[in-house]
Amino acid sequence: MRSSSPAFHRDIPEATAGLNVGLLLRGVKREQIVRGCVLALPGSIAPHRRGTAEVFVLRKDEGGRHTPFGTGYTPQLFFGATDVSAALETGGDLIHPGDRASVNFELQHPIAVEVGMRFAMREGGKTVGAGLVTRIR
């Protein structure tokens, strides 16, 4: 059985998303690292700004949106510890609370995102939906 106590001052062979770790990075200043930074082998992952995602919008009674939205809606998308504003394109359709739909997104700035990554859609401090990246452009 796995212990729930923290593993402070212990070497671990691998760290996954969401795990807090301490690293010694030579040539990198503390001020250069911010929440949501990705550490990867050079060339193993590329930052992207545009893609397509399947989203599910929570209903009002689930704590989600009260009104539908269309192209131009700009929620915060939370990919693990990284959050970024995104403009959504709905293809001219309105997406109502409780709907599942495919949308194109354009992130405010490029981040390390890959097909299959899940994210939370938030606005005004509350979660209004969830999504799955289906395509990167």
N, C-alpha and C. Protein backbone atom coordinates (compact mmCIF):
# COMPACT_ATOMS: atom_id res chain seq x y z
N MET A 1 0.84 -1.17 0.00
CA MET A 1 0.00 0.00 0.00
C MET A 1 0.89 1.23 0.00
N ARG A 2 0.45 2.24 -0.73
CA ARG A 2 1.26 3.45 -0.89
C ARG A 2 1.04 4.40 0.28
N SER A 3 2.10 4.97 0.76
CA SER A 3 2.03 5.91 1.87
C SER A 3 1.52 7.26 1.39
N SER A 4 0.71 7.92 2.20
CA SER A 4 0.19 9.23 1.83
C SER A 4 1.08 10.36 2.35
N SER A 5 2.17 10.02 3.04
CA SER A 5 3.06 11.06 3.56
C SER A 5 3.91 11.64 2.44
N PRO A 6 4.27 12.94 2.55
CA PRO A 6 5.07 13.57 1.51
C PRO A 6 6.45 12.93 1.39
N ALA A 7 7.02 13.02 0.21
CA ALA A 7 8.32 12.41 -0.06
C ALA A 7 9.41 13.49 -0.08
N PHE A 8 9.48 14.30 0.96
CA PHE A 8 10.47 15.36 1.01
C PHE A 8 11.88 14.77 1.09
N HIS A 9 12.80 15.39 0.38
CA HIS A 9 14.21 15.03 0.39
C HIS A 9 14.46 13.59 -0.06
N ARG A 10 13.63 13.10 -0.94
CA ARG A 10 13.81 11.77 -1.52
C ARG A 10 13.91 11.90 -3.03
N ASP A 11 14.79 11.12 -3.61
CA ASP A 11 14.90 11.10 -5.07
C ASP A 11 13.78 10.25 -5.64
N ILE A 12 13.17 10.75 -6.71
CA ILE A 12 12.15 9.97 -7.39
C ILE A 12 12.56 9.84 -8.86
N PRO A 13 12.32 8.70 -9.47
CA PRO A 13 12.78 8.49 -10.85
C PRO A 13 11.99 9.25 -11.90
N GLU A 14 10.74 9.60 -11.58
CA GLU A 14 9.89 10.25 -12.58
C GLU A 14 8.87 11.14 -11.90
N ALA A 15 8.61 12.30 -12.49
CA ALA A 15 7.58 13.21 -12.00
C ALA A 15 6.52 13.36 -13.08
N THR A 16 5.27 13.32 -12.69
CA THR A 16 4.18 13.47 -13.64
C THR A 16 3.43 14.78 -13.36
N ALA A 17 2.57 15.17 -14.29
CA ALA A 17 1.81 16.41 -14.16
C ALA A 17 1.08 16.45 -12.83
N GLY A 18 1.16 17.59 -12.15
CA GLY A 18 0.48 17.77 -10.88
C GLY A 18 1.32 17.43 -9.66
N LEU A 19 2.49 16.83 -9.85
CA LEU A 19 3.36 16.47 -8.75
C LEU A 19 4.28 17.63 -8.44
N ASN A 20 4.36 18.03 -7.18
CA ASN A 20 5.26 19.10 -6.77
C ASN A 20 6.65 18.51 -6.56
N VAL A 21 7.64 19.08 -7.23
CA VAL A 21 9.01 18.60 -7.11
C VAL A 21 9.96 19.77 -6.94
N GLY A 22 11.12 19.48 -6.41
CA GLY A 22 12.20 20.45 -6.32
C GLY A 22 13.28 20.05 -7.31
N LEU A 23 13.74 21.02 -8.10
CA LEU A 23 14.74 20.73 -9.12
C LEU A 23 15.90 21.70 -9.02
N LEU A 24 17.08 21.23 -9.35
CA LEU A 24 18.24 22.10 -9.46
C LEU A 24 18.49 22.29 -10.95
N LEU A 25 18.24 23.48 -11.44
CA LEU A 25 18.42 23.79 -12.86
C LEU A 25 19.54 24.82 -12.98
N ARG A 26 20.67 24.39 -13.43
CA ARG A 26 21.80 25.30 -13.57
C ARG A 26 21.52 26.30 -14.69
N GLY A 27 21.85 27.55 -14.46
CA GLY A 27 21.68 28.59 -15.47
C GLY A 27 20.27 29.15 -15.57
N VAL A 28 19.38 28.70 -14.67
CA VAL A 28 18.00 29.21 -14.67
C VAL A 28 17.75 29.89 -13.33
N LYS A 29 17.29 31.14 -13.40
CA LYS A 29 17.02 31.89 -12.17
C LYS A 29 15.60 31.59 -11.68
N ARG A 30 15.40 31.69 -10.39
CA ARG A 30 14.10 31.42 -9.77
C ARG A 30 13.00 32.27 -10.40
N GLU A 31 13.29 33.51 -10.78
CA GLU A 31 12.30 34.42 -11.35
C GLU A 31 11.88 34.01 -12.76
N GLN A 32 12.64 33.14 -13.40
CA GLN A 32 12.32 32.70 -14.75
C GLN A 32 11.30 31.55 -14.78
N ILE A 33 11.01 31.00 -13.63
CA ILE A 33 10.09 29.88 -13.52
C ILE A 33 8.77 30.39 -12.93
N VAL A 34 7.66 30.04 -13.56
CA VAL A 34 6.34 30.42 -13.07
C VAL A 34 5.43 29.20 -13.04
N ARG A 35 4.34 29.31 -12.34
CA ARG A 35 3.35 28.23 -12.26
C ARG A 35 2.94 27.81 -13.68
N GLY A 36 2.93 26.52 -13.92
CA GLY A 36 2.50 26.01 -15.22
C GLY A 36 3.64 25.77 -16.19
N CYS A 37 4.88 26.10 -15.82
CA CYS A 37 6.01 25.83 -16.71
C CYS A 37 6.15 24.33 -16.93
N VAL A 38 6.65 23.97 -18.09
CA VAL A 38 6.83 22.56 -18.45
C VAL A 38 8.32 22.27 -18.57
N LEU A 39 8.74 21.16 -18.01
CA LEU A 39 10.11 20.71 -18.12
C LEU A 39 10.12 19.46 -18.98
N ALA A 40 10.82 19.53 -20.12
CA ALA A 40 10.83 18.40 -21.05
C ALA A 40 12.15 18.39 -21.81
N LEU A 41 12.46 17.26 -22.40
CA LEU A 41 13.64 17.17 -23.25
C LEU A 41 13.49 18.14 -24.42
N PRO A 42 14.56 18.82 -24.81
CA PRO A 42 14.47 19.73 -25.96
C PRO A 42 13.92 19.02 -27.20
N GLY A 43 12.92 19.64 -27.82
CA GLY A 43 12.33 19.08 -29.03
C GLY A 43 11.28 18.00 -28.82
N SER A 44 11.04 17.59 -27.55
CA SER A 44 10.09 16.50 -27.31
C SER A 44 8.64 16.97 -27.29
N ILE A 45 8.41 18.25 -27.09
CA ILE A 45 7.06 18.81 -27.09
C ILE A 45 7.15 20.23 -27.62
N ALA A 46 6.14 20.63 -28.37
CA ALA A 46 6.12 21.97 -28.95
C ALA A 46 4.93 22.75 -28.41
N PRO A 47 5.10 24.05 -28.20
CA PRO A 47 3.97 24.87 -27.76
C PRO A 47 3.02 25.14 -28.93
N HIS A 48 1.72 25.20 -28.64
CA HIS A 48 0.70 25.43 -29.66
C HIS A 48 -0.27 26.50 -29.19
N ARG A 49 -0.92 27.18 -30.15
CA ARG A 49 -1.94 28.19 -29.84
C ARG A 49 -3.33 27.80 -30.32
N ARG A 50 -3.41 27.01 -31.37
CA ARG A 50 -4.70 26.71 -31.98
C ARG A 50 -5.00 25.21 -31.98
N GLY A 51 -6.30 24.90 -31.90
CA GLY A 51 -6.70 23.51 -31.96
C GLY A 51 -8.20 23.37 -31.94
N THR A 52 -8.63 22.13 -31.81
CA THR A 52 -10.04 21.79 -31.74
C THR A 52 -10.25 20.96 -30.48
N ALA A 53 -11.39 21.16 -29.85
CA ALA A 53 -11.68 20.42 -28.62
C ALA A 53 -13.15 20.06 -28.57
N GLU A 54 -13.43 18.98 -27.88
CA GLU A 54 -14.80 18.58 -27.56
C GLU A 54 -15.07 19.14 -26.17
N VAL A 55 -16.11 19.98 -26.03
CA VAL A 55 -16.40 20.60 -24.73
C VAL A 55 -17.77 20.19 -24.24
N PHE A 56 -17.92 20.16 -22.93
CA PHE A 56 -19.20 19.95 -22.28
C PHE A 56 -19.42 21.13 -21.35
N VAL A 57 -20.56 21.80 -21.52
CA VAL A 57 -20.88 23.00 -20.73
C VAL A 57 -21.86 22.62 -19.63
N LEU A 58 -21.50 22.95 -18.39
CA LEU A 58 -22.36 22.64 -17.25
C LEU A 58 -23.64 23.47 -17.28
N ARG A 59 -24.74 22.88 -16.82
CA ARG A 59 -26.01 23.59 -16.72
C ARG A 59 -26.02 24.49 -15.48
N LYS A 60 -26.98 25.39 -15.45
CA LYS A 60 -27.13 26.31 -14.32
C LYS A 60 -27.26 25.56 -13.00
N ASP A 61 -28.07 24.49 -12.97
CA ASP A 61 -28.28 23.72 -11.73
C ASP A 61 -27.05 22.92 -11.31
N GLU A 62 -26.07 22.80 -12.22
CA GLU A 62 -24.81 22.12 -11.90
C GLU A 62 -23.73 23.13 -11.50
N GLY A 63 -24.10 24.41 -11.43
CA GLY A 63 -23.16 25.46 -11.07
C GLY A 63 -22.48 26.11 -12.27
N GLY A 64 -22.96 25.81 -13.46
CA GLY A 64 -22.35 26.33 -14.68
C GLY A 64 -23.00 27.59 -15.20
N ARG A 65 -22.98 27.74 -16.51
CA ARG A 65 -23.50 28.94 -17.17
C ARG A 65 -25.02 29.01 -17.11
N HIS A 66 -25.52 30.24 -17.17
CA HIS A 66 -26.96 30.48 -17.19
C HIS A 66 -27.43 30.73 -18.63
N THR A 67 -26.51 31.18 -19.49
CA THR A 67 -26.86 31.58 -20.85
C THR A 67 -25.99 30.87 -21.87
N PRO A 68 -26.46 30.76 -23.11
CA PRO A 68 -25.64 30.16 -24.16
C PRO A 68 -24.52 31.10 -24.60
N PHE A 69 -23.55 30.57 -25.33
CA PHE A 69 -22.48 31.40 -25.88
C PHE A 69 -22.23 30.99 -27.32
N GLY A 70 -21.56 31.88 -28.05
CA GLY A 70 -21.23 31.62 -29.44
C GLY A 70 -19.77 31.97 -29.71
N THR A 71 -19.44 32.12 -30.97
CA THR A 71 -18.08 32.48 -31.38
C THR A 71 -17.66 33.77 -30.70
N GLY A 72 -16.43 33.80 -30.21
CA GLY A 72 -15.89 34.97 -29.52
C GLY A 72 -15.88 34.84 -28.01
N TYR A 73 -16.53 33.83 -27.47
CA TYR A 73 -16.53 33.59 -26.02
C TYR A 73 -15.10 33.33 -25.58
N THR A 74 -14.66 33.96 -24.48
CA THR A 74 -13.26 33.85 -24.04
C THR A 74 -13.15 33.41 -22.58
N PRO A 75 -13.29 32.12 -22.31
CA PRO A 75 -13.09 31.62 -20.95
C PRO A 75 -11.61 31.40 -20.66
N GLN A 76 -11.30 31.11 -19.41
CA GLN A 76 -9.97 30.64 -19.02
C GLN A 76 -9.98 29.13 -19.17
N LEU A 77 -8.96 28.57 -19.80
CA LEU A 77 -8.82 27.12 -19.90
C LEU A 77 -7.70 26.69 -18.96
N PHE A 78 -7.97 25.72 -18.10
CA PHE A 78 -6.99 25.23 -17.13
C PHE A 78 -6.52 23.84 -17.56
N PHE A 79 -5.27 23.77 -18.01
CA PHE A 79 -4.62 22.51 -18.38
C PHE A 79 -3.70 22.16 -17.22
N GLY A 80 -4.17 21.39 -16.26
CA GLY A 80 -3.37 21.09 -15.08
C GLY A 80 -3.10 22.36 -14.30
N ALA A 81 -1.83 22.70 -14.10
CA ALA A 81 -1.47 23.90 -13.35
C ALA A 81 -1.39 25.13 -14.24
N THR A 82 -1.53 24.97 -15.55
CA THR A 82 -1.43 26.08 -16.49
C THR A 82 -2.82 26.61 -16.82
N ASP A 83 -2.98 27.93 -16.75
CA ASP A 83 -4.24 28.52 -17.20
C ASP A 83 -3.95 29.60 -18.22
N VAL A 84 -4.82 29.68 -19.23
CA VAL A 84 -4.64 30.62 -20.33
C VAL A 84 -6.01 30.99 -20.89
N SER A 85 -6.16 32.27 -21.26
CA SER A 85 -7.40 32.70 -21.90
C SER A 85 -7.46 32.13 -23.31
N ALA A 86 -8.67 31.83 -23.77
CA ALA A 86 -8.85 31.28 -25.11
C ALA A 86 -10.09 31.88 -25.75
N ALA A 87 -10.00 32.17 -27.04
CA ALA A 87 -11.16 32.59 -27.81
C ALA A 87 -11.72 31.34 -28.48
N LEU A 88 -13.02 31.09 -28.30
CA LEU A 88 -13.64 29.91 -28.88
C LEU A 88 -14.41 30.29 -30.15
N GLU A 89 -14.38 29.38 -31.11
CA GLU A 89 -15.13 29.54 -32.36
C GLU A 89 -16.10 28.36 -32.45
N THR A 90 -17.38 28.67 -32.51
CA THR A 90 -18.41 27.63 -32.47
C THR A 90 -18.98 27.28 -33.83
N GLY A 91 -18.49 27.89 -34.87
CA GLY A 91 -19.00 27.60 -36.21
C GLY A 91 -20.36 28.23 -36.46
N GLY A 92 -20.67 29.31 -35.77
CA GLY A 92 -21.94 30.01 -35.96
C GLY A 92 -23.07 29.51 -35.08
N ASP A 93 -22.89 28.39 -34.42
CA ASP A 93 -23.94 27.83 -33.55
C ASP A 93 -23.83 28.41 -32.15
N LEU A 94 -24.97 28.47 -31.46
CA LEU A 94 -24.96 28.80 -30.04
C LEU A 94 -24.82 27.51 -29.26
N ILE A 95 -23.98 27.54 -28.23
CA ILE A 95 -23.82 26.37 -27.37
C ILE A 95 -24.51 26.68 -26.05
N HIS A 96 -25.50 25.88 -25.72
CA HIS A 96 -26.32 26.11 -24.53
C HIS A 96 -25.77 25.32 -23.34
N PRO A 97 -26.05 25.79 -22.11
CA PRO A 97 -25.67 25.01 -20.94
C PRO A 97 -26.24 23.59 -21.03
N GLY A 98 -25.40 22.59 -20.77
CA GLY A 98 -25.79 21.19 -20.87
C GLY A 98 -25.40 20.56 -22.20
N ASP A 99 -24.96 21.39 -23.17
CA ASP A 99 -24.59 20.89 -24.49
C ASP A 99 -23.18 20.32 -24.50
N ARG A 100 -22.97 19.40 -25.44
CA ARG A 100 -21.64 18.88 -25.77
C ARG A 100 -21.40 19.31 -27.21
N ALA A 101 -20.24 19.91 -27.49
CA ALA A 101 -19.99 20.43 -28.84
C ALA A 101 -18.51 20.42 -29.17
N SER A 102 -18.23 20.48 -30.45
CA SER A 102 -16.86 20.60 -30.93
C SER A 102 -16.61 22.08 -31.23
N VAL A 103 -15.51 22.62 -30.70
CA VAL A 103 -15.16 24.03 -30.91
C VAL A 103 -13.70 24.15 -31.32
N ASN A 104 -13.40 25.20 -32.05
CA ASN A 104 -12.01 25.55 -32.33
C ASN A 104 -11.60 26.55 -31.26
N PHE A 105 -10.34 26.50 -30.85
CA PHE A 105 -9.86 27.44 -29.83
C PHE A 105 -8.57 28.10 -30.31
N GLU A 106 -8.37 29.33 -29.84
CA GLU A 106 -7.10 30.03 -30.05
C GLU A 106 -6.68 30.57 -28.69
N LEU A 107 -5.55 30.07 -28.20
CA LEU A 107 -5.04 30.46 -26.89
C LEU A 107 -4.36 31.82 -26.96
N GLN A 108 -4.39 32.55 -25.87
CA GLN A 108 -3.78 33.88 -25.80
C GLN A 108 -2.28 33.82 -26.05
N HIS A 109 -1.65 32.77 -25.56
CA HIS A 109 -0.23 32.55 -25.83
C HIS A 109 0.02 31.04 -25.94
N PRO A 110 1.06 30.64 -26.67
CA PRO A 110 1.30 29.22 -26.86
C PRO A 110 1.69 28.50 -25.56
N ILE A 111 1.15 27.29 -25.41
CA ILE A 111 1.51 26.46 -24.26
C ILE A 111 1.75 25.04 -24.73
N ALA A 112 2.31 24.22 -23.87
CA ALA A 112 2.56 22.81 -24.18
C ALA A 112 1.24 22.06 -24.06
N VAL A 113 0.57 21.86 -25.18
CA VAL A 113 -0.70 21.17 -25.21
C VAL A 113 -0.65 20.09 -26.29
N GLU A 114 -1.24 18.93 -26.00
CA GLU A 114 -1.22 17.81 -26.94
C GLU A 114 -2.62 17.22 -27.06
N VAL A 115 -2.85 16.50 -28.14
CA VAL A 115 -4.12 15.80 -28.34
C VAL A 115 -4.33 14.84 -27.17
N GLY A 116 -5.54 14.83 -26.64
CA GLY A 116 -5.86 13.95 -25.52
C GLY A 116 -5.82 14.64 -24.16
N MET A 117 -5.28 15.86 -24.12
CA MET A 117 -5.22 16.58 -22.84
C MET A 117 -6.61 17.07 -22.46
N ARG A 118 -6.91 17.00 -21.19
CA ARG A 118 -8.19 17.47 -20.67
C ARG A 118 -7.99 18.85 -20.04
N PHE A 119 -9.06 19.63 -20.01
CA PHE A 119 -8.98 20.95 -19.41
C PHE A 119 -10.32 21.31 -18.78
N ALA A 120 -10.27 22.28 -17.88
CA ALA A 120 -11.47 22.84 -17.27
C ALA A 120 -11.68 24.22 -17.87
N MET A 121 -12.94 24.56 -18.14
CA MET A 121 -13.31 25.90 -18.62
C MET A 121 -13.86 26.66 -17.43
N ARG A 122 -13.27 27.84 -17.19
CA ARG A 122 -13.71 28.62 -16.04
C ARG A 122 -13.99 30.06 -16.46
N GLU A 123 -14.91 30.69 -15.76
CA GLU A 123 -15.18 32.11 -15.96
C GLU A 123 -15.65 32.69 -14.63
N GLY A 124 -15.19 33.87 -14.33
CA GLY A 124 -15.61 34.51 -13.08
C GLY A 124 -15.39 33.70 -11.84
N GLY A 125 -14.32 32.90 -11.80
CA GLY A 125 -13.99 32.13 -10.61
C GLY A 125 -14.78 30.84 -10.43
N LYS A 126 -15.58 30.45 -11.44
CA LYS A 126 -16.30 29.18 -11.31
C LYS A 126 -16.12 28.34 -12.55
N THR A 127 -16.15 27.03 -12.35
CA THR A 127 -16.01 26.10 -13.47
C THR A 127 -17.34 26.05 -14.21
N VAL A 128 -17.28 26.28 -15.53
CA VAL A 128 -18.50 26.29 -16.34
C VAL A 128 -18.52 25.14 -17.36
N GLY A 129 -17.43 24.38 -17.44
CA GLY A 129 -17.39 23.28 -18.38
C GLY A 129 -16.07 22.55 -18.35
N ALA A 130 -15.97 21.54 -19.20
CA ALA A 130 -14.75 20.75 -19.32
C ALA A 130 -14.53 20.41 -20.78
N GLY A 131 -13.31 20.06 -21.12
CA GLY A 131 -13.03 19.74 -22.52
C GLY A 131 -11.90 18.75 -22.69
N LEU A 132 -11.79 18.28 -23.93
CA LEU A 132 -10.76 17.35 -24.35
C LEU A 132 -10.21 17.82 -25.68
N VAL A 133 -8.91 18.01 -25.77
CA VAL A 133 -8.28 18.44 -27.02
C VAL A 133 -8.32 17.28 -28.00
N THR A 134 -8.90 17.52 -29.19
CA THR A 134 -9.03 16.47 -30.19
C THR A 134 -8.09 16.68 -31.38
N ARG A 135 -7.63 17.91 -31.57
CA ARG A 135 -6.75 18.21 -32.70
C ARG A 135 -5.94 19.47 -32.42
N ILE A 136 -4.69 19.47 -32.86
CA ILE A 136 -3.81 20.63 -32.73
C ILE A 136 -3.55 21.16 -34.13
N ARG A 137 -3.59 22.47 -34.28
CA ARG A 137 -3.30 23.08 -35.58
C ARG A 137 -2.12 24.01 -35.48
